[in-house]
Amino acid sequence: MLSHILIVLAVVAFLFRKPLLRLLQSRLPDRQKRHQVLGVVITAFLLVIAVRLLALFW
């Protein structure tokens, strides 16, 4: 159930990435900090997907 929610959130974030990026730019004007936040979000999604795959094949 949680994985379905995360997949939907990932798709929504991909579809609305331009407005989200503009919102993030207004919140974090520093480019390095903005990239750090995006990196953390992407890493979190990848970790969740990896854990779900590991649990599936366990």
PDB file of N, CA and C in Angstrom:
ATOM      1  N   MET A   1       0.824  -1.204   0.000  1.00  0.00           N
ATOM      2  CA  MET A   1       0.000   0.000   0.000  1.00  0.00           C
ATOM      3  C   MET A   1       0.861   1.257   0.000  1.00  0.00           C
ATOM      4  N   LEU A   2       1.883   1.264   0.865  1.00  0.00           N
ATOM      5  CA  LEU A   2       2.759   2.434   0.945  1.00  0.00           C
ATOM      6  C   LEU A   2       3.542   2.612  -0.351  1.00  0.00           C
ATOM      7  N   SER A   3       3.941   1.495  -0.967  1.00  0.00           N
ATOM      8  CA  SER A   3       4.709   1.603  -2.209  1.00  0.00           C
ATOM      9  C   SER A   3       3.855   2.205  -3.325  1.00  0.00           C
ATOM     10  N   HIS A   4       2.549   1.897  -3.335  1.00  0.00           N
ATOM     11  CA  HIS A   4       1.671   2.482  -4.340  1.00  0.00           C
ATOM     12  C   HIS A   4       1.576   3.993  -4.165  1.00  0.00           C
ATOM     13  N   ILE A   5       1.504   4.426  -2.927  1.00  0.00           N
ATOM     14  CA  ILE A   5       1.453   5.866  -2.647  1.00  0.00           C
ATOM     15  C   ILE A   5       2.744   6.539  -3.088  1.00  0.00           C
ATOM     16  N   LEU A   6       3.877   5.900  -2.816  1.00  0.00           N
ATOM     17  CA  LEU A   6       5.160   6.483  -3.213  1.00  0.00           C
ATOM     18  C   LEU A   6       5.299   6.547  -4.728  1.00  0.00           C
ATOM     19  N   ILE A   7       4.812   5.528  -5.428  1.00  0.00           N
ATOM     20  CA  ILE A   7       4.869   5.543  -6.892  1.00  0.00           C
ATOM     21  C   ILE A   7       4.006   6.670  -7.444  1.00  0.00           C
ATOM     22  N   VAL A   8       2.809   6.835  -6.886  1.00  0.00           N
ATOM     23  CA  VAL A   8       1.931   7.925  -7.327  1.00  0.00           C
ATOM     24  C   VAL A   8       2.588   9.276  -7.059  1.00  0.00           C
ATOM     25  N   LEU A   9       3.197   9.436  -5.890  1.00  0.00           N
ATOM     26  CA  LEU A   9       3.888  10.689  -5.576  1.00  0.00           C
ATOM     27  C   LEU A   9       5.047  10.952  -6.529  1.00  0.00           C
ATOM     28  N   ALA A  10       5.787   9.902  -6.883  1.00  0.00           N
ATOM     29  CA  ALA A  10       6.905  10.057  -7.820  1.00  0.00           C
ATOM     30  C   ALA A  10       6.403  10.487  -9.199  1.00  0.00           C
ATOM     31  N   VAL A  11       5.300   9.892  -9.652  1.00  0.00           N
ATOM     32  CA  VAL A  11       4.736  10.259 -10.957  1.00  0.00           C
ATOM     33  C   VAL A  11       4.230  11.695 -10.941  1.00  0.00           C
ATOM     34  N   VAL A  12       3.543  12.076  -9.870  1.00  0.00           N
ATOM     35  CA  VAL A  12       3.044  13.456  -9.752  1.00  0.00           C
ATOM     36  C   VAL A  12       4.212  14.439  -9.731  1.00  0.00           C
ATOM     37  N   ALA A  13       5.266  14.100  -8.978  1.00  0.00           N
ATOM     38  CA  ALA A  13       6.437  14.987  -8.915  1.00  0.00           C
ATOM     39  C   ALA A  13       7.090  15.114 -10.285  1.00  0.00           C
ATOM     40  N   PHE A  14       7.105  13.998 -11.059  1.00  0.00           N
ATOM     41  CA  PHE A  14       7.685  14.067 -12.398  1.00  0.00           C
ATOM     42  C   PHE A  14       6.836  14.926 -13.323  1.00  0.00           C
ATOM     43  N   LEU A  15       5.523  14.761 -13.261  1.00  0.00           N
ATOM     44  CA  LEU A  15       4.637  15.518 -14.144  1.00  0.00           C
ATOM     45  C   LEU A  15       4.660  17.012 -13.837  1.00  0.00           C
ATOM     46  N   PHE A  16       4.768  17.355 -12.558  1.00  0.00           N
ATOM     47  CA  PHE A  16       4.742  18.766 -12.157  1.00  0.00           C
ATOM     48  C   PHE A  16       6.125  19.249 -11.730  1.00  0.00           C
ATOM     49  N   ARG A  17       7.177  18.735 -12.385  1.00  0.00           N
ATOM     50  CA  ARG A  17       8.536  19.070 -11.950  1.00  0.00           C
ATOM     51  C   ARG A  17       8.893  20.529 -12.195  1.00  0.00           C
ATOM     52  N   LYS A  18       8.367  21.138 -13.265  1.00  0.00           N
ATOM     53  CA  LYS A  18       8.696  22.544 -13.540  1.00  0.00           C
ATOM     54  C   LYS A  18       8.132  23.479 -12.457  1.00  0.00           C
ATOM     55  N   PRO A  19       6.826  23.376 -12.127  1.00  0.00           N
ATOM     56  CA  PRO A  19       6.325  24.235 -11.043  1.00  0.00           C
ATOM     57  C   PRO A  19       6.981  23.925  -9.697  1.00  0.00           C
ATOM     58  N   LEU A  20       7.281  22.646  -9.458  1.00  0.00           N
ATOM     59  CA  LEU A  20       7.953  22.289  -8.201  1.00  0.00           C
ATOM     60  C   LEU A  20       9.355  22.880  -8.150  1.00  0.00           C
ATOM     61  N   LEU A  21      10.037  22.871  -9.297  1.00  0.00           N
ATOM     62  CA  LEU A  21      11.381  23.444  -9.338  1.00  0.00           C
ATOM     63  C   LEU A  21      11.332  24.949  -9.104  1.00  0.00           C
ATOM     64  N   ARG A  22      10.320  25.623  -9.682  1.00  0.00           N
ATOM     65  CA  ARG A  22      10.176  27.063  -9.450  1.00  0.00           C
ATOM     66  C   ARG A  22       9.885  27.356  -7.989  1.00  0.00           C
ATOM     67  N   LEU A  23       9.040  26.518  -7.371  1.00  0.00           N
ATOM     68  CA  LEU A  23       8.737  26.686  -5.953  1.00  0.00           C
ATOM     69  C   LEU A  23       9.988  26.473  -5.108  1.00  0.00           C
ATOM     70  N   LEU A  24      10.764  25.464  -5.469  1.00  0.00           N
ATOM     71  CA  LEU A  24      11.998  25.183  -4.735  1.00  0.00           C
ATOM     72  C   LEU A  24      13.003  26.310  -4.919  1.00  0.00           C
ATOM     73  N   GLN A  25      13.040  26.907  -6.119  1.00  0.00           N
ATOM     74  CA  GLN A  25      13.959  28.013  -6.362  1.00  0.00           C
ATOM     75  C   GLN A  25      13.595  29.235  -5.527  1.00  0.00           C
ATOM     76  N   SER A  26      12.297  29.471  -5.348  1.00  0.00           N
ATOM     77  CA  SER A  26      11.907  30.624  -4.536  1.00  0.00           C
ATOM     78  C   SER A  26      12.195  30.378  -3.056  1.00  0.00           C
ATOM     79  N   ARG A  27      12.084  29.111  -2.634  1.00  0.00           N
ATOM     80  CA  ARG A  27      12.360  28.784  -1.223  1.00  0.00           C
ATOM     81  C   ARG A  27      13.850  28.732  -0.935  1.00  0.00           C
ATOM     82  N   LEU A  28      14.615  28.152  -1.880  1.00  0.00           N
ATOM     83  CA  LEU A  28      16.056  27.996  -1.698  1.00  0.00           C
ATOM     84  C   LEU A  28      16.786  28.668  -2.854  1.00  0.00           C
ATOM     85  N   PRO A  29      17.124  29.929  -2.712  1.00  0.00           N
ATOM     86  CA  PRO A  29      17.799  30.618  -3.815  1.00  0.00           C
ATOM     87  C   PRO A  29      19.219  30.100  -4.064  1.00  0.00           C
ATOM     88  N   ASP A  30      19.840  29.486  -3.042  1.00  0.00           N
ATOM     89  CA  ASP A  30      21.189  28.966  -3.183  1.00  0.00           C
ATOM     90  C   ASP A  30      21.150  27.677  -4.010  1.00  0.00           C
ATOM     91  N   ARG A  31      21.853  27.665  -5.122  1.00  0.00           N
ATOM     92  CA  ARG A  31      21.806  26.523  -6.047  1.00  0.00           C
ATOM     93  C   ARG A  31      22.359  25.250  -5.413  1.00  0.00           C
ATOM     94  N   GLN A  32      23.438  25.355  -4.675  1.00  0.00           N
ATOM     95  CA  GLN A  32      24.036  24.169  -4.057  1.00  0.00           C
ATOM     96  C   GLN A  32      23.081  23.533  -3.043  1.00  0.00           C
ATOM     97  N   LYS A  33      22.424  24.347  -2.259  1.00  0.00           N
ATOM     98  CA  LYS A  33      21.477  23.841  -1.265  1.00  0.00           C
ATOM     99  C   LYS A  33      20.287  23.188  -1.959  1.00  0.00           C
ATOM    100  N   ARG A  34      19.833  23.793  -3.061  1.00  0.00           N
ATOM    101  CA  ARG A  34      18.709  23.246  -3.822  1.00  0.00           C
ATOM    102  C   ARG A  34      19.054  21.869  -4.382  1.00  0.00           C
ATOM    103  N   HIS A  35      20.251  21.729  -4.940  1.00  0.00           N
ATOM    104  CA  HIS A  35      20.680  20.439  -5.469  1.00  0.00           C
ATOM    105  C   HIS A  35      20.846  19.406  -4.360  1.00  0.00           C
ATOM    106  N   GLN A  36      21.272  19.855  -3.195  1.00  0.00           N
ATOM    107  CA  GLN A  36      21.413  18.947  -2.065  1.00  0.00           C
ATOM    108  C   GLN A  36      20.038  18.406  -1.641  1.00  0.00           C
ATOM    109  N   VAL A  37      19.040  19.271  -1.591  1.00  0.00           N
ATOM    110  CA  VAL A  37      17.683  18.838  -1.223  1.00  0.00           C
ATOM    111  C   VAL A  37      17.137  17.867  -2.257  1.00  0.00           C
ATOM    112  N   LEU A  38      17.317  18.179  -3.545  1.00  0.00           N
ATOM    113  CA  LEU A  38      16.853  17.279  -4.603  1.00  0.00           C
ATOM    114  C   LEU A  38      17.569  15.939  -4.534  1.00  0.00           C
ATOM    115  N   GLY A  39      18.848  15.952  -4.232  1.00  0.00           N
ATOM    116  CA  GLY A  39      19.606  14.707  -4.098  1.00  0.00           C
ATOM    117  C   GLY A  39      19.100  13.851  -2.953  1.00  0.00           C
ATOM    118  N   VAL A  40      18.758  14.480  -1.843  1.00  0.00           N
ATOM    119  CA  VAL A  40      18.229  13.745  -0.695  1.00  0.00           C
ATOM    120  C   VAL A  40      16.882  13.121  -1.038  1.00  0.00           C
ATOM    121  N   VAL A  41      16.024  13.859  -1.733  1.00  0.00           N
ATOM    122  CA  VAL A  41      14.707  13.335  -2.106  1.00  0.00           C
ATOM    123  C   VAL A  41      14.849  12.157  -3.067  1.00  0.00           C
ATOM    124  N   ILE A  42      15.701  12.283  -4.073  1.00  0.00           N
ATOM    125  CA  ILE A  42      15.908  11.202  -5.036  1.00  0.00           C
ATOM    126  C   ILE A  42      16.514   9.983  -4.358  1.00  0.00           C
ATOM    127  N   THR A  43      17.477  10.197  -3.473  1.00  0.00           N
ATOM    128  CA  THR A  43      18.083   9.089  -2.739  1.00  0.00           C
ATOM    129  C   THR A  43      17.064   8.380  -1.865  1.00  0.00           C
ATOM    130  N   ALA A  44      16.184   9.120  -1.241  1.00  0.00           N
ATOM    131  CA  ALA A  44      15.156   8.513  -0.397  1.00  0.00           C
ATOM    132  C   ALA A  44      14.221   7.639  -1.234  1.00  0.00           C
ATOM    133  N   PHE A  45      13.804   8.129  -2.404  1.00  0.00           N
ATOM    134  CA  PHE A  45      12.947   7.321  -3.279  1.00  0.00           C
ATOM    135  C   PHE A  45      13.667   6.054  -3.725  1.00  0.00           C
ATOM    136  N   LEU A  46      14.939   6.174  -4.096  1.00  0.00           N
ATOM    137  CA  LEU A  46      15.684   4.999  -4.541  1.00  0.00           C
ATOM    138  C   LEU A  46      15.860   3.986  -3.417  1.00  0.00           C
ATOM    139  N   LEU A  47      16.093   4.461  -2.204  1.00  0.00           N
ATOM    140  CA  LEU A  47      16.229   3.550  -1.066  1.00  0.00           C
ATOM    141  C   LEU A  47      14.924   2.808  -0.791  1.00  0.00           C
ATOM    142  N   VAL A  48      13.812   3.515  -0.870  1.00  0.00           N
ATOM    143  CA  VAL A  48      12.518   2.866  -0.637  1.00  0.00           C
ATOM    144  C   VAL A  48      12.259   1.808  -1.702  1.00  0.00           C
ATOM    145  N   ILE A  49      12.548   2.130  -2.953  1.00  0.00           N
ATOM    146  CA  ILE A  49      12.348   1.161  -4.030  1.00  0.00           C
ATOM    147  C   ILE A  49      13.267  -0.048  -3.843  1.00  0.00           C
ATOM    148  N   ALA A  50      14.520   0.187  -3.459  1.00  0.00           N
ATOM    149  CA  ALA A  50      15.455  -0.914  -3.250  1.00  0.00           C
ATOM    150  C   ALA A  50      15.011  -1.814  -2.104  1.00  0.00           C
ATOM    151  N   VAL A  51      14.531  -1.232  -1.019  1.00  0.00           N
ATOM    152  CA  VAL A  51      14.056  -2.027   0.115  1.00  0.00           C
ATOM    153  C   VAL A  51      12.829  -2.833  -0.274  1.00  0.00           C
ATOM    154  N   ARG A  52      11.940  -2.237  -1.050  1.00  0.00           N
ATOM    155  CA  ARG A  52      10.743  -2.969  -1.492  1.00  0.00           C
ATOM    156  C   ARG A  52      11.125  -4.143  -2.397  1.00  0.00           C
ATOM    157  N   LEU A  53      12.081  -3.936  -3.288  1.00  0.00           N
ATOM    158  CA  LEU A  53      12.521  -5.028  -4.157  1.00  0.00           C
ATOM    159  C   LEU A  53      13.209  -6.126  -3.355  1.00  0.00           C
ATOM    160  N   LEU A  54      14.014  -5.742  -2.387  1.00  0.00           N
ATOM    161  CA  LEU A  54      14.699  -6.712  -1.534  1.00  0.00           C
ATOM    162  C   LEU A  54      13.681  -7.537  -0.745  1.00  0.00           C
ATOM    163  N   ALA A  55      12.655  -6.873  -0.220  1.00  0.00           N
ATOM    164  CA  ALA A  55      11.612  -7.582   0.538  1.00  0.00           C
ATOM    165  C   ALA A  55      10.810  -8.498  -0.389  1.00  0.00           C
ATOM    166  N   LEU A  56      10.626  -8.091  -1.629  1.00  0.00           N
ATOM    167  CA  LEU A  56       9.870  -8.897  -2.570  1.00  0.00           C
ATOM    168  C   LEU A  56      10.599 -10.197  -2.901  1.00  0.00           C
ATOM    169  N   PHE A  57      11.905 -10.122  -3.060  1.00  0.00           N
ATOM    170  CA  PHE A  57      12.686 -11.299  -3.452  1.00  0.00           C
ATOM    171  C   PHE A  57      13.255 -12.060  -2.265  1.00  0.00           C
ATOM    172  N   TRP A  58      13.021 -11.608  -1.051  1.00  0.00           N
ATOM    173  CA  TRP A  58      13.579 -12.256   0.143  1.00  0.00           C
ATOM    174  C   TRP A  58      12.968 -13.600   0.358  1.00  0.00           C
TER     175      TRP A  58
END
